[in-house]
């Protein structure tokens, strides 16, 4: 097998891995988004909201969101290298 073919296969494998990781991060972000909404129920009086829990959840969401953006950038770059982007 040629070196170029081996490199392409490595990139294809890396792309699949990054796409799987991005899907997982996206699902976790969607779950956390729902949790933030639950903590900030618009029909609850402000003084009864669990703002601290919402902030903690939002902090985790932010961290995962930043990881997702990084993965999506990696995916874009790999696709471009493979001639797909």
PDB file of N, CA and C in Angstrom:
ATOM      1  N   UNK A   1       0.852  -1.173   0.000  1.00  0.00           N
ATOM      2  CA  UNK A   1       0.000   0.000   0.000  1.00  0.00           C
ATOM      3  C   UNK A   1       0.900   1.240   0.000  1.00  0.00           C
ATOM      4  N   UNK A   2       0.554   2.193  -0.816  1.00  0.00           N
ATOM      5  CA  UNK A   2       1.381   3.390  -0.927  1.00  0.00           C
ATOM      6  C   UNK A   2       1.297   4.248   0.338  1.00  0.00           C
ATOM      7  N   UNK A   3       2.313   5.042   0.517  1.00  0.00           N
ATOM      8  CA  UNK A   3       2.358   5.944   1.686  1.00  0.00           C
ATOM      9  C   UNK A   3       1.194   6.925   1.670  1.00  0.00           C
ATOM     10  N   UNK A   4       0.878   7.415   0.485  1.00  0.00           N
ATOM     11  CA  UNK A   4      -0.235   8.361   0.359  1.00  0.00           C
ATOM     12  C   UNK A   4      -1.561   7.703   0.760  1.00  0.00           C
ATOM     13  N   UNK A   5      -1.737   6.464   0.345  1.00  0.00           N
ATOM     14  CA  UNK A   5      -2.958   5.723   0.677  1.00  0.00           C
ATOM     15  C   UNK A   5      -3.044   5.504   2.190  1.00  0.00           C
ATOM     16  N   UNK A   6      -1.934   5.153   2.812  1.00  0.00           N
ATOM     17  CA  UNK A   6      -1.904   4.952   4.263  1.00  0.00           C
ATOM     18  C   UNK A   6      -2.232   6.249   5.001  1.00  0.00           C
ATOM     19  N   UNK A   7      -1.674   7.344   4.516  1.00  0.00           N
ATOM     20  CA  UNK A   7      -1.940   8.642   5.147  1.00  0.00           C
ATOM     21  C   UNK A   7      -3.419   8.999   5.021  1.00  0.00           C
ATOM     22  N   UNK A   8      -3.986   8.759   3.846  1.00  0.00           N
ATOM     23  CA  UNK A   8      -5.409   9.055   3.628  1.00  0.00           C
ATOM     24  C   UNK A   8      -6.270   8.222   4.581  1.00  0.00           C
ATOM     25  N   UNK A   9      -5.938   6.941   4.728  1.00  0.00           N
ATOM     26  CA  UNK A   9      -6.695   6.079   5.640  1.00  0.00           C
ATOM     27  C   UNK A   9      -6.588   6.564   7.081  1.00  0.00           C
ATOM     28  N   UNK A  10      -5.403   7.021   7.482  1.00  0.00           N
ATOM     29  CA  UNK A  10      -5.237   7.579   8.834  1.00  0.00           C
ATOM     30  C   UNK A  10      -6.129   8.801   9.020  1.00  0.00           C
ATOM     31  N   UNK A  11      -6.139   9.668   7.992  1.00  0.00           N
ATOM     32  CA  UNK A  11      -6.973  10.870   8.070  1.00  0.00           C
ATOM     33  C   UNK A  11      -8.463  10.514   8.103  1.00  0.00           C
ATOM     34  N   UNK A  12      -8.860   9.508   7.328  1.00  0.00           N
ATOM     35  CA  UNK A  12     -10.262   9.063   7.339  1.00  0.00           C
ATOM     36  C   UNK A  12     -10.638   8.564   8.735  1.00  0.00           C
ATOM     37  N   UNK A  13      -9.745   7.783   9.353  1.00  0.00           N
ATOM     38  CA  UNK A  13      -9.999   7.286  10.702  1.00  0.00           C
ATOM     39  C   UNK A  13     -10.079   8.409  11.714  1.00  0.00           C
ATOM     40  N   UNK A  14      -9.173   9.371  11.592  1.00  0.00           N
ATOM     41  CA  UNK A  14      -9.176  10.524  12.495  1.00  0.00           C
ATOM     42  C   UNK A  14     -10.456  11.336  12.325  1.00  0.00           C
ATOM     43  N   UNK A  15     -10.880  11.502  11.073  1.00  0.00           N
ATOM     44  CA  UNK A  15     -12.117  12.237  10.798  1.00  0.00           C
ATOM     45  C   UNK A  15     -13.303  11.542  11.461  1.00  0.00           C
ATOM     46  N   UNK A  16     -13.393  10.227  11.326  1.00  0.00           N
ATOM     47  CA  UNK A  16     -14.494   9.480  11.951  1.00  0.00           C
ATOM     48  C   UNK A  16     -14.487   9.653  13.462  1.00  0.00           C
ATOM     49  N   UNK A  17     -13.308   9.602  14.046  1.00  0.00           N
ATOM     50  CA  UNK A  17     -13.183   9.768  15.496  1.00  0.00           C
ATOM     51  C   UNK A  17     -13.633  11.162  15.930  1.00  0.00           C
ATOM     52  N   UNK A  18     -13.175  12.183  15.222  1.00  0.00           N
ATOM     53  CA  UNK A  18     -13.544  13.565  15.568  1.00  0.00           C
ATOM     54  C   UNK A  18     -15.040  13.788  15.391  1.00  0.00           C
ATOM     55  N   UNK A  19     -15.631  13.196  14.342  1.00  0.00           N
ATOM     56  CA  UNK A  19     -17.076  13.347  14.127  1.00  0.00           C
ATOM     57  C   UNK A  19     -17.856  12.662  15.246  1.00  0.00           C
ATOM     58  N   UNK A  20     -17.400  11.495  15.687  1.00  0.00           N
ATOM     59  CA  UNK A  20     -18.055  10.796  16.794  1.00  0.00           C
ATOM     60  C   UNK A  20     -17.966  11.639  18.071  1.00  0.00           C
ATOM     61  N   UNK A  21     -16.782  12.192  18.336  1.00  0.00           N
ATOM     62  CA  UNK A  21     -16.599  13.031  19.520  1.00  0.00           C
ATOM     63  C   UNK A  21     -17.480  14.275  19.448  1.00  0.00           C
ATOM     64  N   UNK A  22     -17.598  14.874  18.264  1.00  0.00           N
ATOM     65  CA  UNK A  22     -18.432  16.066  18.098  1.00  0.00           C
ATOM     66  C   UNK A  22     -19.903  15.736  18.350  1.00  0.00           C
ATOM     67  N   UNK A  23     -20.363  14.578  17.848  1.00  0.00           N
ATOM     68  CA  UNK A  23     -21.759  14.178  18.101  1.00  0.00           C
ATOM     69  C   UNK A  23     -22.011  14.014  19.592  1.00  0.00           C
ATOM     70  N   UNK A  24     -21.073  13.395  20.276  1.00  0.00           N
ATOM     71  CA  UNK A  24     -21.209  13.196  21.718  1.00  0.00           C
ATOM     72  C   UNK A  24     -21.246  14.533  22.457  1.00  0.00           C
ATOM     73  N   UNK A  25     -20.356  15.431  22.092  1.00  0.00           N
ATOM     74  CA  UNK A  25     -20.342  16.755  22.725  1.00  0.00           C
ATOM     75  C   UNK A  25     -21.633  17.507  22.454  1.00  0.00           C
ATOM     76  N   UNK A  26     -22.124  17.422  21.219  1.00  0.00           N
ATOM     77  CA  UNK A  26     -23.362  18.117  20.866  1.00  0.00           C
ATOM     78  C   UNK A  26     -24.525  17.597  21.709  1.00  0.00           C
ATOM     79  N   UNK A  27     -24.619  16.287  21.863  1.00  0.00           N
ATOM     80  CA  UNK A  27     -25.698  15.707  22.676  1.00  0.00           C
ATOM     81  C   UNK A  27     -25.592  16.151  24.128  1.00  0.00           C
ATOM     82  N   UNK A  28     -24.384  16.174  24.663  1.00  0.00           N
ATOM     83  CA  UNK A  28     -24.200  16.627  26.043  1.00  0.00           C
ATOM     84  C   UNK A  28     -24.582  18.094  26.177  1.00  0.00           C
ATOM     85  N   UNK A  29     -24.239  18.906  25.182  1.00  0.00           N
ATOM     86  CA  UNK A  29     -24.608  20.331  25.213  1.00  0.00           C
ATOM     87  C   UNK A  29     -26.126  20.493  25.171  1.00  0.00           C
ATOM     88  N   UNK A  30     -26.793  19.710  24.348  1.00  0.00           N
ATOM     89  CA  UNK A  30     -28.249  19.799  24.263  1.00  0.00           C
ATOM     90  C   UNK A  30     -28.903  19.431  25.593  1.00  0.00           C
ATOM     91  N   UNK A  31     -28.371  18.413  26.240  1.00  0.00           N
ATOM     92  CA  UNK A  31     -28.890  18.017  27.553  1.00  0.00           C
ATOM     93  C   UNK A  31     -28.704  19.132  28.573  1.00  0.00           C
ATOM     94  N   UNK A  32     -27.520  19.727  28.582  1.00  0.00           N
ATOM     95  CA  UNK A  32     -27.248  20.817  29.529  1.00  0.00           C
ATOM     96  C   UNK A  32     -28.096  22.041  29.233  1.00  0.00           C
ATOM     97  N   UNK A  33     -28.351  22.308  27.959  1.00  0.00           N
ATOM     98  CA  UNK A  33     -29.215  23.437  27.606  1.00  0.00           C
ATOM     99  C   UNK A  33     -30.592  23.250  28.229  1.00  0.00           C
ATOM    100  N   UNK A  34     -31.116  22.024  28.164  1.00  0.00           N
ATOM    101  CA  UNK A  34     -32.406  21.732  28.793  1.00  0.00           C
ATOM    102  C   UNK A  34     -32.357  21.927  30.299  1.00  0.00           C
ATOM    103  N   UNK A  35     -31.240  21.536  30.906  1.00  0.00           N
ATOM    104  CA  UNK A  35     -31.094  21.709  32.357  1.00  0.00           C
ATOM    105  C   UNK A  35     -31.078  23.187  32.738  1.00  0.00           C
ATOM    106  N   UNK A  36     -30.381  23.998  31.955  1.00  0.00           N
ATOM    107  CA  UNK A  36     -30.346  25.445  32.230  1.00  0.00           C
ATOM    108  C   UNK A  36     -31.768  25.997  32.162  1.00  0.00           C
ATOM    109  N   UNK A  37     -32.507  25.595  31.143  1.00  0.00           N
ATOM    110  CA  UNK A  37     -33.898  26.062  31.006  1.00  0.00           C
ATOM    111  C   UNK A  37     -34.733  25.649  32.208  1.00  0.00           C
ATOM    112  N   UNK A  38     -34.514  24.398  32.674  1.00  0.00           N
ATOM    113  CA  UNK A  38     -35.264  23.934  33.842  1.00  0.00           C
ATOM    114  C   UNK A  38     -34.957  24.785  35.070  1.00  0.00           C
ATOM    115  N   UNK A  39     -33.697  25.149  35.235  1.00  0.00           N
ATOM    116  CA  UNK A  39     -33.296  25.970  36.382  1.00  0.00           C
ATOM    117  C   UNK A  39     -33.847  27.396  36.289  1.00  0.00           C
ATOM    118  N   UNK A  40     -34.162  27.830  35.077  1.00  0.00           N
ATOM    119  CA  UNK A  40     -34.617  29.208  34.867  1.00  0.00           C
ATOM    120  C   UNK A  40     -36.062  29.247  34.376  1.00  0.00           C
ATOM    121  N   UNK A  41     -36.906  28.464  34.986  1.00  0.00           N
ATOM    122  CA  UNK A  41     -38.324  28.383  34.632  1.00  0.00           C
ATOM    123  C   UNK A  41     -38.935  29.786  34.634  1.00  0.00           C
ATOM    124  N   UNK A  42     -39.453  30.232  33.490  1.00  0.00           N
ATOM    125  CA  UNK A  42     -39.979  31.604  33.410  1.00  0.00           C
ATOM    126  C   UNK A  42     -41.250  31.828  34.234  1.00  0.00           C
ATOM    127  N   UNK A  43     -41.865  30.761  34.733  1.00  0.00           N
ATOM    128  CA  UNK A  43     -43.087  30.910  35.508  1.00  0.00           C
ATOM    129  C   UNK A  43     -42.832  30.879  37.018  1.00  0.00           C
ATOM    130  N   UNK A  44     -41.592  30.678  37.398  1.00  0.00           N
ATOM    131  CA  UNK A  44     -41.216  30.700  38.814  1.00  0.00           C
ATOM    132  C   UNK A  44     -40.814  32.125  39.198  1.00  0.00           C
ATOM    133  N   UNK A  45     -41.130  32.530  40.416  1.00  0.00           N
ATOM    134  CA  UNK A  45     -40.646  33.837  40.879  1.00  0.00           C
ATOM    135  C   UNK A  45     -39.103  33.830  40.898  1.00  0.00           C
ATOM    136  N   UNK A  46     -38.528  34.943  40.580  1.00  0.00           N
ATOM    137  CA  UNK A  46     -37.069  35.068  40.514  1.00  0.00           C
ATOM    138  C   UNK A  46     -36.413  34.566  41.799  1.00  0.00           C
ATOM    139  N   UNK A  47     -36.958  34.932  42.930  1.00  0.00           N
ATOM    140  CA  UNK A  47     -36.324  34.564  44.203  1.00  0.00           C
ATOM    141  C   UNK A  47     -36.376  33.057  44.477  1.00  0.00           C
ATOM    142  N   UNK A  48     -37.191  32.326  43.723  1.00  0.00           N
ATOM    143  CA  UNK A  48     -37.263  30.877  43.915  1.00  0.00           C
ATOM    144  C   UNK A  48     -36.433  30.087  42.905  1.00  0.00           C
ATOM    145  N   UNK A  49     -35.822  30.784  41.966  1.00  0.00           N
ATOM    146  CA  UNK A  49     -34.991  30.102  40.970  1.00  0.00           C
ATOM    147  C   UNK A  49     -33.689  29.635  41.596  1.00  0.00           C
ATOM    148  N   UNK A  50     -33.186  28.540  41.103  1.00  0.00           N
ATOM    149  CA  UNK A  50     -31.902  28.026  41.574  1.00  0.00           C
ATOM    150  C   UNK A  50     -30.808  28.574  40.653  1.00  0.00           C
ATOM    151  N   UNK A  51     -30.489  29.833  40.859  1.00  0.00           N
ATOM    152  CA  UNK A  51     -29.529  30.537  40.003  1.00  0.00           C
ATOM    153  C   UNK A  51     -28.141  29.905  40.109  1.00  0.00           C
ATOM    154  N   UNK A  52     -27.768  29.472  41.296  1.00  0.00           N
ATOM    155  CA  UNK A  52     -26.449  28.857  41.472  1.00  0.00           C
ATOM    156  C   UNK A  52     -26.330  27.589  40.625  1.00  0.00           C
ATOM    157  N   UNK A  53     -27.351  26.760  40.631  1.00  0.00           N
ATOM    158  CA  UNK A  53     -27.338  25.535  39.818  1.00  0.00           C
ATOM    159  C   UNK A  53     -27.321  25.885  38.334  1.00  0.00           C
ATOM    160  N   UNK A  54     -28.071  26.915  37.958  1.00  0.00           N
ATOM    161  CA  UNK A  54     -28.082  27.340  36.559  1.00  0.00           C
ATOM    162  C   UNK A  54     -26.699  27.805  36.134  1.00  0.00           C
ATOM    163  N   UNK A  55     -26.026  28.539  37.000  1.00  0.00           N
ATOM    164  CA  UNK A  55     -24.686  29.041  36.696  1.00  0.00           C
ATOM    165  C   UNK A  55     -23.686  27.892  36.555  1.00  0.00           C
ATOM    166  N   UNK A  56     -23.758  26.923  37.456  1.00  0.00           N
ATOM    167  CA  UNK A  56     -22.863  25.765  37.384  1.00  0.00           C
ATOM    168  C   UNK A  56     -23.094  24.978  36.096  1.00  0.00           C
ATOM    169  N   UNK A  57     -24.362  24.792  35.759  1.00  0.00           N
ATOM    170  CA  UNK A  57     -24.704  24.071  34.537  1.00  0.00           C
ATOM    171  C   UNK A  57     -24.250  24.849  33.314  1.00  0.00           C
ATOM    172  N   UNK A  58     -24.439  26.153  33.344  1.00  0.00           N
ATOM    173  CA  UNK A  58     -24.024  26.998  32.226  1.00  0.00           C
ATOM    174  C   UNK A  58     -22.516  26.979  32.063  1.00  0.00           C
ATOM    175  N   UNK A  59     -21.795  26.943  33.163  1.00  0.00           N
ATOM    176  CA  UNK A  59     -20.341  26.871  33.110  1.00  0.00           C
ATOM    177  C   UNK A  59     -19.891  25.577  32.427  1.00  0.00           C
ATOM    178  N   UNK A  60     -20.530  24.478  32.780  1.00  0.00           N
ATOM    179  CA  UNK A  60     -20.208  23.192  32.139  1.00  0.00           C
ATOM    180  C   UNK A  60     -20.577  23.229  30.661  1.00  0.00           C
ATOM    181  N   UNK A  61     -21.733  23.818  30.358  1.00  0.00           N
ATOM    182  CA  UNK A  61     -22.165  23.948  28.965  1.00  0.00           C
ATOM    183  C   UNK A  61     -21.158  24.756  28.164  1.00  0.00           C
ATOM    184  N   UNK A  62     -20.673  25.845  28.714  1.00  0.00           N
ATOM    185  CA  UNK A  62     -19.688  26.688  28.036  1.00  0.00           C
ATOM    186  C   UNK A  62     -18.425  25.894  27.726  1.00  0.00           C
ATOM    187  N   UNK A  63     -17.949  25.141  28.692  1.00  0.00           N
ATOM    188  CA  UNK A  63     -16.744  24.348  28.505  1.00  0.00           C
ATOM    189  C   UNK A  63     -16.930  23.321  27.382  1.00  0.00           C
ATOM    190  N   UNK A  64     -18.056  22.616  27.396  1.00  0.00           N
ATOM    191  CA  UNK A  64     -18.322  21.622  26.358  1.00  0.00           C
ATOM    192  C   UNK A  64     -18.523  22.280  24.996  1.00  0.00           C
ATOM    193  N   UNK A  65     -19.156  23.441  24.989  1.00  0.00           N
ATOM    194  CA  UNK A  65     -19.373  24.187  23.752  1.00  0.00           C
ATOM    195  C   UNK A  65     -18.039  24.586  23.119  1.00  0.00           C
ATOM    196  N   UNK A  66     -17.110  25.035  23.939  1.00  0.00           N
ATOM    197  CA  UNK A  66     -15.793  25.414  23.418  1.00  0.00           C
ATOM    198  C   UNK A  66     -15.064  24.184  22.862  1.00  0.00           C
ATOM    199  N   UNK A  67     -15.201  23.043  23.538  1.00  0.00           N
ATOM    200  CA  UNK A  67     -14.612  21.800  23.029  1.00  0.00           C
ATOM    201  C   UNK A  67     -15.253  21.408  21.698  1.00  0.00           C
ATOM    202  N   UNK A  68     -16.566  21.581  21.600  1.00  0.00           N
ATOM    203  CA  UNK A  68     -17.276  21.264  20.362  1.00  0.00           C
ATOM    204  C   UNK A  68     -16.778  22.136  19.212  1.00  0.00           C
ATOM    205  N   UNK A  69     -16.632  23.425  19.466  1.00  0.00           N
ATOM    206  CA  UNK A  69     -16.137  24.320  18.409  1.00  0.00           C
ATOM    207  C   UNK A  69     -14.747  23.911  17.940  1.00  0.00           C
ATOM    208  N   UNK A  70     -13.901  23.495  18.878  1.00  0.00           N
ATOM    209  CA  UNK A  70     -12.560  23.036  18.523  1.00  0.00           C
ATOM    210  C   UNK A  70     -12.637  21.780  17.646  1.00  0.00           C
ATOM    211  N   UNK A  71     -13.481  20.832  18.037  1.00  0.00           N
ATOM    212  CA  UNK A  71     -13.652  19.596  17.244  1.00  0.00           C
ATOM    213  C   UNK A  71     -14.169  19.914  15.854  1.00  0.00           C
ATOM    214  N   UNK A  72     -15.123  20.821  15.768  1.00  0.00           N
ATOM    215  CA  UNK A  72     -15.674  21.178  14.459  1.00  0.00           C
ATOM    216  C   UNK A  72     -14.616  21.823  13.571  1.00  0.00           C
ATOM    217  N   UNK A  73     -13.730  22.605  14.168  1.00  0.00           N
ATOM    218  CA  UNK A  73     -12.608  23.173  13.413  1.00  0.00           C
ATOM    219  C   UNK A  73     -11.675  22.084  12.921  1.00  0.00           C
ATOM    220  N   UNK A  74     -11.387  21.110  13.777  1.00  0.00           N
ATOM    221  CA  UNK A  74     -10.549  19.971  13.386  1.00  0.00           C
ATOM    222  C   UNK A  74     -11.189  19.222  12.220  1.00  0.00           C
ATOM    223  N   UNK A  75     -12.492  18.982  12.316  1.00  0.00           N
ATOM    224  CA  UNK A  75     -13.224  18.264  11.269  1.00  0.00           C
ATOM    225  C   UNK A  75     -13.136  19.023   9.953  1.00  0.00           C
ATOM    226  N   UNK A  76     -13.328  20.328  10.005  1.00  0.00           N
ATOM    227  CA  UNK A  76     -13.233  21.150   8.797  1.00  0.00           C
ATOM    228  C   UNK A  76     -11.857  21.020   8.160  1.00  0.00           C
ATOM    229  N   UNK A  77     -10.820  21.083   9.002  1.00  0.00           N
ATOM    230  CA  UNK A  77      -9.453  21.003   8.487  1.00  0.00           C
ATOM    231  C   UNK A  77      -9.145  19.633   7.886  1.00  0.00           C
ATOM    232  N   UNK A  78      -9.600  18.584   8.531  1.00  0.00           N
ATOM    233  CA  UNK A  78      -9.356  17.230   8.014  1.00  0.00           C
ATOM    234  C   UNK A  78     -10.105  17.033   6.688  1.00  0.00           C
ATOM    235  N   UNK A  79     -11.350  17.491   6.652  1.00  0.00           N
ATOM    236  CA  UNK A  79     -12.124  17.362   5.404  1.00  0.00           C
ATOM    237  C   UNK A  79     -11.438  18.120   4.259  1.00  0.00           C
ATOM    238  N   UNK A  80     -10.936  19.295   4.581  1.00  0.00           N
ATOM    239  CA  UNK A  80     -10.229  20.076   3.577  1.00  0.00           C
ATOM    240  C   UNK A  80      -9.000  19.322   3.081  1.00  0.00           C
ATOM    241  N   UNK A  81      -8.248  18.715   4.003  1.00  0.00           N
ATOM    242  CA  UNK A  81      -7.058  17.943   3.644  1.00  0.00           C
ATOM    243  C   UNK A  81      -7.422  16.738   2.778  1.00  0.00           C
ATOM    244  N   UNK A  82      -8.611  16.184   2.999  1.00  0.00           N
ATOM    245  CA  UNK A  82      -9.065  15.041   2.209  1.00  0.00           C
ATOM    246  C   UNK A  82      -9.730  15.460   0.903  1.00  0.00           C
ATOM    247  N   UNK A  83      -9.836  16.768   0.665  1.00  0.00           N
ATOM    248  CA  UNK A  83     -10.443  17.264  -0.565  1.00  0.00           C
ATOM    249  C   UNK A  83     -11.956  17.273  -0.529  1.00  0.00           C
ATOM    250  N   UNK A  84     -12.522  17.312   0.672  1.00  0.00           N
ATOM    251  CA  UNK A  84     -13.977  17.302   0.820  1.00  0.00           C
ATOM    252  C   UNK A  84     -14.541  18.654   1.268  1.00  0.00           C
ATOM    253  N   UNK A  85     -13.690  19.617   1.416  1.00  0.00           N
ATOM    254  CA  UNK A  85     -14.212  20.821   2.026  1.00  0.00           C
ATOM    255  C   UNK A  85     -13.967  22.026   1.260  1.00  0.00           C
TER     256      UNK A  85
END
